[in-house]
Amino acid sequence: MAYVDGFVLPLPKANLESYREMAAKCGAIWREHGALEFRECIAEDVKPGKLTSFPQSVNLEADETVVFAWVVYESRAHRDEVNQKVMKDPRMADMMKPESMPFDGKRMIYGGFEMIIDL
């Protein structure tokens, strides 16, 4: 069964286009190194909750929106192999610098998930 890395992050609305450009470059690199899918989604219908919500999860500020993204791999081992190649790719060096990121990486939530249903 496939393996997924998932991400939720706050994005200043003013940085949407620069984020889109960065994500497109990153996606091409991940796919080149073997990722099966690379998806980036911008919040369209995410309301604050009473206990939990996407906006609360990243401590969303008034001028920000939420990004929900995922990358699909064949397996956990495949994910580790692909990510190792991606992190060594020289094209990633500038994009990984905190000052180059169009969002606050400290408020990004991410993790790896084993897929249990794939319909």
PDB file of N, CA and C in Angstrom:
ATOM      1  N   MET A   1       0.855  -1.186   0.000  1.00  0.00           N
ATOM      2  CA  MET A   1       0.000   0.000   0.000  1.00  0.00           C
ATOM      3  C   MET A   1       0.893   1.238   0.000  1.00  0.00           C
ATOM      4  N   ALA A   2       0.438   2.290  -0.623  1.00  0.00           N
ATOM      5  CA  ALA A   2       1.202   3.529  -0.772  1.00  0.00           C
ATOM      6  C   ALA A   2       1.458   4.215   0.561  1.00  0.00           C
ATOM      7  N   TYR A   3       2.351   5.182   0.539  1.00  0.00           N
ATOM      8  CA  TYR A   3       2.725   5.982   1.704  1.00  0.00           C
ATOM      9  C   TYR A   3       2.580   7.448   1.323  1.00  0.00           C
ATOM     10  N   VAL A   4       2.130   8.281   2.272  1.00  0.00           N
ATOM     11  CA  VAL A   4       1.860   9.688   1.985  1.00  0.00           C
ATOM     12  C   VAL A   4       2.539  10.584   3.010  1.00  0.00           C
ATOM     13  N   ASP A   5       3.217  11.625   2.534  1.00  0.00           N
ATOM     14  CA  ASP A   5       3.660  12.720   3.394  1.00  0.00           C
ATOM     15  C   ASP A   5       2.599  13.798   3.284  1.00  0.00           C
ATOM     16  N   GLY A   6       2.088  14.276   4.426  1.00  0.00           N
ATOM     17  CA  GLY A   6       1.065  15.307   4.435  1.00  0.00           C
ATOM     18  C   GLY A   6       1.567  16.578   5.089  1.00  0.00           C
ATOM     19  N   PHE A   7       1.068  17.726   4.612  1.00  0.00           N
ATOM     20  CA  PHE A   7       1.499  19.027   5.093  1.00  0.00           C
ATOM     21  C   PHE A   7       0.309  19.963   5.239  1.00  0.00           C
ATOM     22  N   VAL A   8       0.308  20.763   6.296  1.00  0.00           N
ATOM     23  CA  VAL A   8      -0.649  21.849   6.471  1.00  0.00           C
ATOM     24  C   VAL A   8       0.185  23.051   6.903  1.00  0.00           C
ATOM     25  N   LEU A   9      -0.005  24.184   6.228  1.00  0.00           N
ATOM     26  CA  LEU A   9       0.816  25.354   6.569  1.00  0.00           C
ATOM     27  C   LEU A   9       0.048  26.649   6.350  1.00  0.00           C
ATOM     28  N   PRO A  10       0.448  27.700   7.084  1.00  0.00           N
ATOM     29  CA  PRO A  10      -0.160  29.010   6.891  1.00  0.00           C
ATOM     30  C   PRO A  10       0.579  29.752   5.775  1.00  0.00           C
ATOM     31  N   LEU A  11      -0.173  30.399   4.903  1.00  0.00           N
ATOM     32  CA  LEU A  11       0.439  31.133   3.800  1.00  0.00           C
ATOM     33  C   LEU A  11      -0.113  32.553   3.766  1.00  0.00           C
ATOM     34  N   PRO A  12       0.759  33.559   3.871  1.00  0.00           N
ATOM     35  CA  PRO A  12       0.264  34.929   3.682  1.00  0.00           C
ATOM     36  C   PRO A  12      -0.369  35.051   2.302  1.00  0.00           C
ATOM     37  N   LYS A  13      -1.564  35.611   2.256  1.00  0.00           N
ATOM     38  CA  LYS A  13      -2.288  35.725   0.988  1.00  0.00           C
ATOM     39  C   LYS A  13      -1.476  36.489  -0.051  1.00  0.00           C
ATOM     40  N   ALA A  14      -0.669  37.443   0.393  1.00  0.00           N
ATOM     41  CA  ALA A  14       0.160  38.231  -0.527  1.00  0.00           C
ATOM     42  C   ALA A  14       1.250  37.381  -1.184  1.00  0.00           C
ATOM     43  N   ASN A  15       1.545  36.208  -0.613  1.00  0.00           N
ATOM     44  CA  ASN A  15       2.612  35.352  -1.127  1.00  0.00           C
ATOM     45  C   ASN A  15       2.103  34.178  -1.959  1.00  0.00           C
ATOM     46  N   LEU A  16       0.837  34.191  -2.304  1.00  0.00           N
ATOM     47  CA  LEU A  16       0.253  33.054  -3.022  1.00  0.00           C
ATOM     48  C   LEU A  16       0.998  32.741  -4.322  1.00  0.00           C
ATOM     49  N   GLU A  17       1.285  33.746  -5.116  1.00  0.00           N
ATOM     50  CA  GLU A  17       1.937  33.484  -6.396  1.00  0.00           C
ATOM     51  C   GLU A  17       3.372  32.984  -6.202  1.00  0.00           C
ATOM     52  N   SER A  18       4.113  33.557  -5.265  1.00  0.00           N
ATOM     53  CA  SER A  18       5.487  33.071  -5.034  1.00  0.00           C
ATOM     54  C   SER A  18       5.464  31.653  -4.466  1.00  0.00           C
ATOM     55  N   TYR A  19       4.444  31.339  -3.644  1.00  0.00           N
ATOM     56  CA  TYR A  19       4.315  29.973  -3.139  1.00  0.00           C
ATOM     57  C   TYR A  19       4.005  29.012  -4.285  1.00  0.00           C
ATOM     58  N   ARG A  20       3.102  29.418  -5.150  1.00  0.00           N
ATOM     59  CA  ARG A  20       2.726  28.572  -6.291  1.00  0.00           C
ATOM     60  C   ARG A  20       3.964  28.260  -7.147  1.00  0.00           C
ATOM     61  N   GLU A  21       4.785  29.267  -7.400  1.00  0.00           N
ATOM     62  CA  GLU A  21       6.009  29.069  -8.184  1.00  0.00           C
ATOM     63  C   GLU A  21       6.971  28.112  -7.487  1.00  0.00           C
ATOM     64  N   MET A  22       7.176  28.321  -6.166  1.00  0.00           N
ATOM     65  CA  MET A  22       8.065  27.456  -5.401  1.00  0.00           C
ATOM     66  C   MET A  22       7.537  26.018  -5.385  1.00  0.00           C
ATOM     67  N   ALA A  23       6.236  25.856  -5.158  1.00  0.00           N
ATOM     68  CA  ALA A  23       5.635  24.526  -5.086  1.00  0.00           C
ATOM     69  C   ALA A  23       5.738  23.803  -6.427  1.00  0.00           C
ATOM     70  N   ALA A  24       5.559  24.532  -7.526  1.00  0.00           N
ATOM     71  CA  ALA A  24       5.677  23.906  -8.846  1.00  0.00           C
ATOM     72  C   ALA A  24       7.102  23.398  -9.075  1.00  0.00           C
ATOM     73  N   LYS A  25       8.092  24.185  -8.675  1.00  0.00           N
ATOM     74  CA  LYS A  25       9.491  23.749  -8.797  1.00  0.00           C
ATOM     75  C   LYS A  25       9.759  22.532  -7.918  1.00  0.00           C
ATOM     76  N   CYS A  26       9.286  22.598  -6.680  1.00  0.00           N
ATOM     77  CA  CYS A  26       9.480  21.470  -5.758  1.00  0.00           C
ATOM     78  C   CYS A  26       8.791  20.219  -6.283  1.00  0.00           C
ATOM     79  N   GLY A  27       7.575  20.376  -6.749  1.00  0.00           N
ATOM     80  CA  GLY A  27       6.830  19.229  -7.271  1.00  0.00           C
ATOM     81  C   GLY A  27       7.545  18.556  -8.412  1.00  0.00           C
ATOM     82  N   ALA A  28       8.109  19.352  -9.312  1.00  0.00           N
ATOM     83  CA  ALA A  28       8.846  18.783 -10.440  1.00  0.00           C
ATOM     84  C   ALA A  28      10.057  17.985  -9.954  1.00  0.00           C
ATOM     85  N   ILE A  29      10.729  18.507  -8.933  1.00  0.00           N
ATOM     86  CA  ILE A  29      11.897  17.814  -8.385  1.00  0.00           C
ATOM     87  C   ILE A  29      11.476  16.514  -7.703  1.00  0.00           C
ATOM     88  N   TRP A  30      10.429  16.564  -6.879  1.00  0.00           N
ATOM     89  CA  TRP A  30       9.960  15.341  -6.200  1.00  0.00           C
ATOM     90  C   TRP A  30       9.554  14.280  -7.225  1.00  0.00           C
ATOM     91  N   ARG A  31       8.810  14.695  -8.250  1.00  0.00           N
ATOM     92  CA  ARG A  31       8.376  13.735  -9.272  1.00  0.00           C
ATOM     93  C   ARG A  31       9.576  13.172 -10.034  1.00  0.00           C
ATOM     94  N   GLU A  32      10.539  14.019 -10.341  1.00  0.00           N
ATOM     95  CA  GLU A  32      11.745  13.577 -11.052  1.00  0.00           C
ATOM     96  C   GLU A  32      12.492  12.507 -10.256  1.00  0.00           C
ATOM     97  N   HIS A  33      12.447  12.641  -8.921  1.00  0.00           N
ATOM     98  CA  HIS A  33      13.157  11.678  -8.068  1.00  0.00           C
ATOM     99  C   HIS A  33      12.296  10.489  -7.656  1.00  0.00           C
ATOM    100  N   GLY A  34      11.067  10.399  -8.186  1.00  0.00           N
ATOM    101  CA  GLY A  34      10.295   9.188  -7.994  1.00  0.00           C
ATOM    102  C   GLY A  34       8.965   9.289  -7.280  1.00  0.00           C
ATOM    103  N   ALA A  35       8.592  10.460  -6.756  1.00  0.00           N
ATOM    104  CA  ALA A  35       7.280  10.578  -6.106  1.00  0.00           C
ATOM    105  C   ALA A  35       6.187  10.264  -7.119  1.00  0.00           C
ATOM    106  N   LEU A  36       5.146   9.569  -6.686  1.00  0.00           N
ATOM    107  CA  LEU A  36       4.052   9.186  -7.572  1.00  0.00           C
ATOM    108  C   LEU A  36       3.078  10.328  -7.826  1.00  0.00           C
ATOM    109  N   GLU A  37       2.833  11.142  -6.806  1.00  0.00           N
ATOM    110  CA  GLU A  37       1.928  12.293  -6.908  1.00  0.00           C
ATOM    111  C   GLU A  37       2.479  13.419  -6.054  1.00  0.00           C
ATOM    112  N   PHE A  38       2.183  14.643  -6.436  1.00  0.00           N
ATOM    113  CA  PHE A  38       2.547  15.831  -5.665  1.00  0.00           C
ATOM    114  C   PHE A  38       1.376  16.788  -5.783  1.00  0.00           C
ATOM    115  N   ARG A  39       0.687  17.054  -4.689  1.00  0.00           N
ATOM    116  CA  ARG A  39      -0.524  17.882  -4.711  1.00  0.00           C
ATOM    117  C   ARG A  39      -0.394  19.047  -3.731  1.00  0.00           C
ATOM    118  N   GLU A  40      -0.837  20.212  -4.156  1.00  0.00           N
ATOM    119  CA  GLU A  40      -0.871  21.425  -3.325  1.00  0.00           C
ATOM    120  C   GLU A  40      -2.267  22.023  -3.453  1.00  0.00           C
ATOM    121  N   CYS A  41      -2.911  22.298  -2.325  1.00  0.00           N
ATOM    122  CA  CYS A  41      -4.265  22.832  -2.335  1.00  0.00           C
ATOM    123  C   CYS A  41      -4.350  24.066  -1.447  1.00  0.00           C
ATOM    124  N   ILE A  42      -5.118  25.049  -1.905  1.00  0.00           N
ATOM    125  CA  ILE A  42      -5.312  26.277  -1.135  1.00  0.00           C
ATOM    126  C   ILE A  42      -6.707  26.237  -0.515  1.00  0.00           C
ATOM    127  N   ALA A  43      -6.823  26.703   0.713  1.00  0.00           N
ATOM    128  CA  ALA A  43      -8.103  26.667   1.424  1.00  0.00           C
ATOM    129  C   ALA A  43      -9.170  27.424   0.656  1.00  0.00           C
ATOM    130  N   GLU A  44     -10.347  26.825   0.608  1.00  0.00           N
ATOM    131  CA  GLU A  44     -11.471  27.451  -0.069  1.00  0.00           C
ATOM    132  C   GLU A  44     -12.711  27.429   0.831  1.00  0.00           C
ATOM    133  N   ASP A  45     -12.827  26.393   1.647  1.00  0.00           N
ATOM    134  CA  ASP A  45     -13.963  26.267   2.557  1.00  0.00           C
ATOM    135  C   ASP A  45     -13.474  25.659   3.867  1.00  0.00           C
ATOM    136  N   VAL A  46     -12.706  26.431   4.629  1.00  0.00           N
ATOM    137  CA  VAL A  46     -12.188  25.965   5.925  1.00  0.00           C
ATOM    138  C   VAL A  46     -12.511  27.011   6.985  1.00  0.00           C
ATOM    139  N   LYS A  47     -13.432  26.668   7.819  1.00  0.00           N
ATOM    140  CA  LYS A  47     -13.883  27.598   8.848  1.00  0.00           C
ATOM    141  C   LYS A  47     -13.193  27.303  10.176  1.00  0.00           C
ATOM    142  N   PRO A  48     -13.006  28.332  10.988  1.00  0.00           N
ATOM    143  CA  PRO A  48     -12.460  28.082  12.332  1.00  0.00           C
ATOM    144  C   PRO A  48     -13.429  27.206  13.116  1.00  0.00           C
ATOM    145  N   GLY A  49     -12.899  26.306  13.907  1.00  0.00           N
ATOM    146  CA  GLY A  49     -13.749  25.423  14.699  1.00  0.00           C
ATOM    147  C   GLY A  49     -13.854  25.884  16.131  1.00  0.00           C
ATOM    148  N   LYS A  50     -14.619  25.143  16.910  1.00  0.00           N
ATOM    149  CA  LYS A  50     -14.718  25.445  18.339  1.00  0.00           C
ATOM    150  C   LYS A  50     -13.574  24.799  19.098  1.00  0.00           C
ATOM    151  N   LEU A  51     -13.174  23.593  18.660  1.00  0.00           N
ATOM    152  CA  LEU A  51     -12.078  22.896  19.327  1.00  0.00           C
ATOM    153  C   LEU A  51     -10.867  22.735  18.409  1.00  0.00           C
ATOM    154  N   THR A  52     -11.123  22.324  17.170  1.00  0.00           N
ATOM    155  CA  THR A  52     -10.029  22.129  16.218  1.00  0.00           C
ATOM    156  C   THR A  52     -10.472  22.537  14.823  1.00  0.00           C
ATOM    157  N   SER A  53      -9.508  22.870  13.983  1.00  0.00           N
ATOM    158  CA  SER A  53      -9.780  23.201  12.583  1.00  0.00           C
ATOM    159  C   SER A  53      -8.442  23.395  11.882  1.00  0.00           C
ATOM    160  N   PHE A  54      -8.477  23.447  10.568  1.00  0.00           N
ATOM    161  CA  PHE A  54      -7.259  23.743   9.828  1.00  0.00           C
ATOM    162  C   PHE A  54      -6.707  25.114  10.220  1.00  0.00           C
ATOM    163  N   PRO A  55      -7.528  26.181  10.285  1.00  0.00           N
ATOM    164  CA  PRO A  55      -6.981  27.478  10.696  1.00  0.00           C
ATOM    165  C   PRO A  55      -6.347  27.443  12.092  1.00  0.00           C
ATOM    166  N   GLN A  56      -6.980  26.767  13.028  1.00  0.00           N
ATOM    167  CA  GLN A  56      -6.420  26.694  14.377  1.00  0.00           C
ATOM    168  C   GLN A  56      -5.136  25.880  14.414  1.00  0.00           C
ATOM    169  N   SER A  57      -5.041  24.882  13.567  1.00  0.00           N
ATOM    170  CA  SER A  57      -3.871  23.995  13.598  1.00  0.00           C
ATOM    171  C   SER A  57      -2.576  24.731  13.285  1.00  0.00           C
ATOM    172  N   VAL A  58      -2.661  25.797  12.491  1.00  0.00           N
ATOM    173  CA  VAL A  58      -1.455  26.550  12.120  1.00  0.00           C
ATOM    174  C   VAL A  58      -1.444  27.953  12.713  1.00  0.00           C
ATOM    175  N   ASN A  59      -2.346  28.204  13.668  1.00  0.00           N
ATOM    176  CA  ASN A  59      -2.438  29.520  14.303  1.00  0.00           C
ATOM    177  C   ASN A  59      -2.583  30.610  13.239  1.00  0.00           C
ATOM    178  N   LEU A  60      -3.571  30.430  12.372  1.00  0.00           N
ATOM    179  CA  LEU A  60      -3.779  31.287  11.216  1.00  0.00           C
ATOM    180  C   LEU A  60      -4.002  32.740  11.619  1.00  0.00           C
ATOM    181  N   GLU A  61      -3.335  33.648  10.913  1.00  0.00           N
ATOM    182  CA  GLU A  61      -3.490  35.078  11.143  1.00  0.00           C
ATOM    183  C   GLU A  61      -4.433  35.663  10.087  1.00  0.00           C
ATOM    184  N   ALA A  62      -4.921  36.871  10.308  1.00  0.00           N
ATOM    185  CA  ALA A  62      -5.964  37.482   9.474  1.00  0.00           C
ATOM    186  C   ALA A  62      -5.580  37.584   7.997  1.00  0.00           C
ATOM    187  N   ASP A  63      -4.327  37.816   7.698  1.00  0.00           N
ATOM    188  CA  ASP A  63      -3.903  37.998   6.296  1.00  0.00           C
ATOM    189  C   ASP A  63      -3.382  36.714   5.666  1.00  0.00           C
ATOM    190  N   GLU A  64      -3.706  35.559   6.256  1.00  0.00           N
ATOM    191  CA  GLU A  64      -3.196  34.272   5.781  1.00  0.00           C
ATOM    192  C   GLU A  64      -4.321  33.343   5.343  1.00  0.00           C
ATOM    193  N   THR A  65      -3.934  32.315   4.605  1.00  0.00           N
ATOM    194  CA  THR A  65      -4.825  31.230   4.229  1.00  0.00           C
ATOM    195  C   THR A  65      -4.096  29.923   4.542  1.00  0.00           C
ATOM    196  N   VAL A  66      -4.792  28.811   4.397  1.00  0.00           N
ATOM    197  CA  VAL A  66      -4.215  27.507   4.713  1.00  0.00           C
ATOM    198  C   VAL A  66      -3.881  26.754   3.432  1.00  0.00           C
ATOM    199  N   VAL A  67      -2.715  26.110   3.423  1.00  0.00           N
ATOM    200  CA  VAL A  67      -2.327  25.214   2.341  1.00  0.00           C
ATOM    201  C   VAL A  67      -2.357  23.794   2.889  1.00  0.00           C
ATOM    202  N   PHE A  68      -2.944  22.896   2.125  1.00  0.00           N
ATOM    203  CA  PHE A  68      -3.008  21.472   2.444  1.00  0.00           C
ATOM    204  C   PHE A  68      -2.332  20.763   1.285  1.00  0.00           C
ATOM    205  N   ALA A  69      -1.293  19.990   1.575  1.00  0.00           N
ATOM    206  CA  ALA A  69      -0.518  19.374   0.498  1.00  0.00           C
ATOM    207  C   ALA A  69      -0.143  17.946   0.868  1.00  0.00           C
ATOM    208  N   TRP A  70       0.126  17.137  -0.174  1.00  0.00           N
ATOM    209  CA  TRP A  70       0.583  15.782   0.083  1.00  0.00           C
ATOM    210  C   TRP A  70       1.408  15.275  -1.077  1.00  0.00           C
ATOM    211  N   VAL A  71       2.267  14.316  -0.751  1.00  0.00           N
ATOM    212  CA  VAL A  71       3.113  13.650  -1.736  1.00  0.00           C
ATOM    213  C   VAL A  71       2.907  12.153  -1.538  1.00  0.00           C
ATOM    214  N   VAL A  72       2.711  11.423  -2.633  1.00  0.00           N
ATOM    215  CA  VAL A  72       2.456   9.983  -2.562  1.00  0.00           C
ATOM    216  C   VAL A  72       3.672   9.209  -3.065  1.00  0.00           C
ATOM    217  N   TYR A  73       3.979   8.132  -2.347  1.00  0.00           N
ATOM    218  CA  TYR A  73       5.114   7.258  -2.664  1.00  0.00           C
ATOM    219  C   TYR A  73       4.635   5.810  -2.697  1.00  0.00           C
ATOM    220  N   GLU A  74       5.477   4.922  -3.197  1.00  0.00           N
ATOM    221  CA  GLU A  74       5.150   3.492  -3.233  1.00  0.00           C
ATOM    222  C   GLU A  74       5.081   2.893  -1.828  1.00  0.00           C
ATOM    223  N   SER A  75       5.971   3.357  -0.928  1.00  0.00           N
ATOM    224  CA  SER A  75       6.090   2.787   0.423  1.00  0.00           C
ATOM    225  C   SER A  75       6.887   3.755   1.288  1.00  0.00           C
ATOM    226  N   ARG A  76       6.993   3.450   2.563  1.00  0.00           N
ATOM    227  CA  ARG A  76       7.816   4.268   3.462  1.00  0.00           C
ATOM    228  C   ARG A  76       9.272   4.246   3.011  1.00  0.00           C
ATOM    229  N   ALA A  77       9.773   3.070   2.638  1.00  0.00           N
ATOM    230  CA  ALA A  77      11.161   2.958   2.174  1.00  0.00           C
ATOM    231  C   ALA A  77      11.369   3.801   0.914  1.00  0.00           C
ATOM    232  N   HIS A  78      10.399   3.763   0.010  1.00  0.00           N
ATOM    233  CA  HIS A  78      10.483   4.567  -1.209  1.00  0.00           C
ATOM    234  C   HIS A  78      10.475   6.055  -0.859  1.00  0.00           C
ATOM    235  N   ARG A  79       9.623   6.467   0.092  1.00  0.00           N
ATOM    236  CA  ARG A  79       9.585   7.866   0.543  1.00  0.00           C
ATOM    237  C   ARG A  79      10.949   8.299   1.048  1.00  0.00           C
ATOM    238  N   ASP A  80      11.553   7.469   1.907  1.00  0.00           N
ATOM    239  CA  ASP A  80      12.859   7.817   2.468  1.00  0.00           C
ATOM    240  C   ASP A  80      13.911   7.953   1.375  1.00  0.00           C
ATOM    241  N   GLU A  81      13.859   7.076   0.397  1.00  0.00           N
ATOM    242  CA  GLU A  81      14.795   7.099  -0.731  1.00  0.00           C
ATOM    243  C   GLU A  81      14.600   8.363  -1.583  1.00  0.00           C
ATOM    244  N   VAL A  82      13.345   8.674  -1.916  1.00  0.00           N
ATOM    245  CA  VAL A  82      13.047   9.852  -2.732  1.00  0.00           C
ATOM    246  C   VAL A  82      13.442  11.124  -1.985  1.00  0.00           C
ATOM    247  N   ASN A  83      13.055  11.232  -0.712  1.00  0.00           N
ATOM    248  CA  ASN A  83      13.356  12.443   0.046  1.00  0.00           C
ATOM    249  C   ASN A  83      14.855  12.652   0.220  1.00  0.00           C
ATOM    250  N   GLN A  84      15.596  11.574   0.359  1.00  0.00           N
ATOM    251  CA  GLN A  84      17.047  11.701   0.462  1.00  0.00           C
ATOM    252  C   GLN A  84      17.615  12.313  -0.829  1.00  0.00           C
ATOM    253  N   LYS A  85      17.137  11.860  -1.964  1.00  0.00           N
ATOM    254  CA  LYS A  85      17.585  12.403  -3.254  1.00  0.00           C
ATOM    255  C   LYS A  85      17.160  13.871  -3.397  1.00  0.00           C
ATOM    256  N   VAL A  86      15.928  14.173  -3.003  1.00  0.00           N
ATOM    257  CA  VAL A  86      15.421  15.540  -3.113  1.00  0.00           C
ATOM    258  C   VAL A  86      16.269  16.488  -2.268  1.00  0.00           C
ATOM    259  N   MET A  87      16.557  16.097  -1.040  1.00  0.00           N
ATOM    260  CA  MET A  87      17.304  16.979  -0.144  1.00  0.00           C
ATOM    261  C   MET A  87      18.745  17.190  -0.605  1.00  0.00           C
ATOM    262  N   LYS A  88      19.274  16.272  -1.390  1.00  0.00           N
ATOM    263  CA  LYS A  88      20.629  16.418  -1.937  1.00  0.00           C
ATOM    264  C   LYS A  88      20.630  17.162  -3.273  1.00  0.00           C
ATOM    265  N   ASP A  89      19.476  17.357  -3.854  1.00  0.00           N
ATOM    266  CA  ASP A  89      19.379  18.011  -5.154  1.00  0.00           C
ATOM    267  C   ASP A  89      19.785  19.482  -5.001  1.00  0.00           C
ATOM    268  N   PRO A  90      20.765  19.952  -5.759  1.00  0.00           N
ATOM    269  CA  PRO A  90      21.235  21.336  -5.616  1.00  0.00           C
ATOM    270  C   PRO A  90      20.155  22.382  -5.919  1.00  0.00           C
ATOM    271  N   ARG A  91      19.141  22.030  -6.688  1.00  0.00           N
ATOM    272  CA  ARG A  91      18.061  22.975  -6.980  1.00  0.00           C
ATOM    273  C   ARG A  91      17.231  23.298  -5.741  1.00  0.00           C
ATOM    274  N   MET A  92      17.304  22.452  -4.720  1.00  0.00           N
ATOM    275  CA  MET A  92      16.525  22.668  -3.500  1.00  0.00           C
ATOM    276  C   MET A  92      17.217  23.619  -2.524  1.00  0.00           C
ATOM    277  N   ALA A  93      18.514  23.835  -2.680  1.00  0.00           N
ATOM    278  CA  ALA A  93      19.299  24.592  -1.699  1.00  0.00           C
ATOM    279  C   ALA A  93      18.702  25.965  -1.395  1.00  0.00           C
ATOM    280  N   ASP A  94      18.444  26.764  -2.412  1.00  0.00           N
ATOM    281  CA  ASP A  94      17.906  28.104  -2.170  1.00  0.00           C
ATOM    282  C   ASP A  94      16.485  28.064  -1.637  1.00  0.00           C
ATOM    283  N   MET A  95      15.688  27.102  -2.109  1.00  0.00           N
ATOM    284  CA  MET A  95      14.295  27.037  -1.673  1.00  0.00           C
ATOM    285  C   MET A  95      14.165  26.614  -0.211  1.00  0.00           C
ATOM    286  N   MET A  96      15.166  25.934   0.330  1.00  0.00           N
ATOM    287  CA  MET A  96      15.094  25.433   1.701  1.00  0.00           C
ATOM    288  C   MET A  96      15.559  26.462   2.733  1.00  0.00           C
ATOM    289  N   LYS A  97      16.124  27.570   2.297  1.00  0.00           N
ATOM    290  CA  LYS A  97      16.554  28.616   3.224  1.00  0.00           C
ATOM    291  C   LYS A  97      15.322  29.292   3.814  1.00  0.00           C
ATOM    292  N   PRO A  98      15.286  29.470   5.143  1.00  0.00           N
ATOM    293  CA  PRO A  98      14.108  30.101   5.766  1.00  0.00           C
ATOM    294  C   PRO A  98      13.744  31.449   5.138  1.00  0.00           C
ATOM    295  N   GLU A  99      14.732  32.236   4.779  1.00  0.00           N
ATOM    296  CA  GLU A  99      14.438  33.555   4.200  1.00  0.00           C
ATOM    297  C   GLU A  99      13.864  33.463   2.782  1.00  0.00           C
ATOM    298  N   SER A 100      13.993  32.314   2.153  1.00  0.00           N
ATOM    299  CA  SER A 100      13.445  32.118   0.802  1.00  0.00           C
ATOM    300  C   SER A 100      12.010  31.604   0.826  1.00  0.00           C
ATOM    301  N   MET A 101      11.576  31.080   1.955  1.00  0.00           N
ATOM    302  CA  MET A 101      10.240  30.483   2.028  1.00  0.00           C
ATOM    303  C   MET A 101       9.162  31.561   2.133  1.00  0.00           C
ATOM    304  N   PRO A 102       8.107  31.454   1.335  1.00  0.00           N
ATOM    305  CA  PRO A 102       7.038  32.454   1.371  1.00  0.00           C
ATOM    306  C   PRO A 102       6.013  32.197   2.480  1.00  0.00           C
ATOM    307  N   PHE A 103       6.371  31.385   3.465  1.00  0.00           N
ATOM    308  CA  PHE A 103       5.478  31.073   4.580  1.00  0.00           C
ATOM    309  C   PHE A 103       6.318  30.835   5.832  1.00  0.00           C
ATOM    310  N   ASP A 104       5.655  30.782   6.988  1.00  0.00           N
ATOM    311  CA  ASP A 104       6.326  30.546   8.261  1.00  0.00           C
ATOM    312  C   ASP A 104       6.455  29.045   8.492  1.00  0.00           C
ATOM    313  N   GLY A 105       7.627  28.510   8.205  1.00  0.00           N
ATOM    314  CA  GLY A 105       7.876  27.082   8.337  1.00  0.00           C
ATOM    315  C   GLY A 105       7.745  26.561   9.756  1.00  0.00           C
ATOM    316  N   LYS A 106       7.854  27.436  10.738  1.00  0.00           N
ATOM    317  CA  LYS A 106       7.739  27.012  12.137  1.00  0.00           C
ATOM    318  C   LYS A 106       6.306  26.598  12.480  1.00  0.00           C
ATOM    319  N   ARG A 107       5.343  27.078  11.676  1.00  0.00           N
ATOM    320  CA  ARG A 107       3.942  26.735  11.926  1.00  0.00           C
ATOM    321  C   ARG A 107       3.423  25.681  10.963  1.00  0.00           C
ATOM    322  N   MET A 108       4.319  25.087  10.174  1.00  0.00           N
ATOM    323  CA  MET A 108       3.918  24.022   9.259  1.00  0.00           C
ATOM    324  C   MET A 108       3.777  22.716  10.048  1.00  0.00           C
ATOM    325  N   ILE A 109       2.745  21.970   9.743  1.00  0.00           N
ATOM    326  CA  ILE A 109       2.525  20.658  10.342  1.00  0.00           C
ATOM    327  C   ILE A 109       2.781  19.633   9.251  1.00  0.00           C
ATOM    328  N   TYR A 110       3.517  18.599   9.557  1.00  0.00           N
ATOM    329  CA  TYR A 110       3.785  17.584   8.533  1.00  0.00           C
ATOM    330  C   TYR A 110       4.015  16.234   9.191  1.00  0.00           C
ATOM    331  N   GLY A 111       3.846  15.193   8.406  1.00  0.00           N
ATOM    332  CA  GLY A 111       4.088  13.847   8.895  1.00  0.00           C
ATOM    333  C   GLY A 111       3.881  12.828   7.808  1.00  0.00           C
ATOM    334  N   GLY A 112       4.343  11.611   8.067  1.00  0.00           N
ATOM    335  CA  GLY A 112       4.199  10.508   7.135  1.00  0.00           C
ATOM    336  C   GLY A 112       3.063   9.599   7.554  1.00  0.00           C
ATOM    337  N   PHE A 113       2.314   9.106   6.559  1.00  0.00           N
ATOM    338  CA  PHE A 113       1.127   8.306   6.819  1.00  0.00           C
ATOM    339  C   PHE A 113       1.105   7.073   5.932  1.00  0.00           C
ATOM    340  N   GLU A 114       0.847   5.935   6.530  1.00  0.00           N
ATOM    341  CA  GLU A 114       0.659   4.717   5.767  1.00  0.00           C
ATOM    342  C   GLU A 114      -0.781   4.684   5.288  1.00  0.00           C
ATOM    343  N   MET A 115      -0.973   4.506   4.006  1.00  0.00           N
ATOM    344  CA  MET A 115      -2.313   4.477   3.451  1.00  0.00           C
ATOM    345  C   MET A 115      -2.973   3.144   3.832  1.00  0.00           C
ATOM    346  N   ILE A 116      -4.223   3.221   4.298  1.00  0.00           N
ATOM    347  CA  ILE A 116      -4.922   1.980   4.673  1.00  0.00           C
ATOM    348  C   ILE A 116      -6.103   1.676   3.741  1.00  0.00           C
ATOM    349  N   ILE A 117      -6.569   2.696   2.998  1.00  0.00           N
ATOM    350  CA  ILE A 117      -7.617   2.473   2.002  1.00  0.00           C
ATOM    351  C   ILE A 117      -7.279   3.334   0.795  1.00  0.00           C
ATOM    352  N   ASP A 118      -7.400   2.755  -0.385  1.00  0.00           N
ATOM    353  CA  ASP A 118      -7.133   3.462  -1.637  1.00  0.00           C
ATOM    354  C   ASP A 118      -8.162   2.988  -2.661  1.00  0.00           C
ATOM    355  N   LEU A 119      -9.252   3.736  -2.800  1.00  0.00           N
ATOM    356  CA  LEU A 119     -10.351   3.343  -3.686  1.00  0.00           C
ATOM    357  C   LEU A 119     -10.282   4.072  -5.009  1.00  0.00           C
TER     358      LEU A 119
END
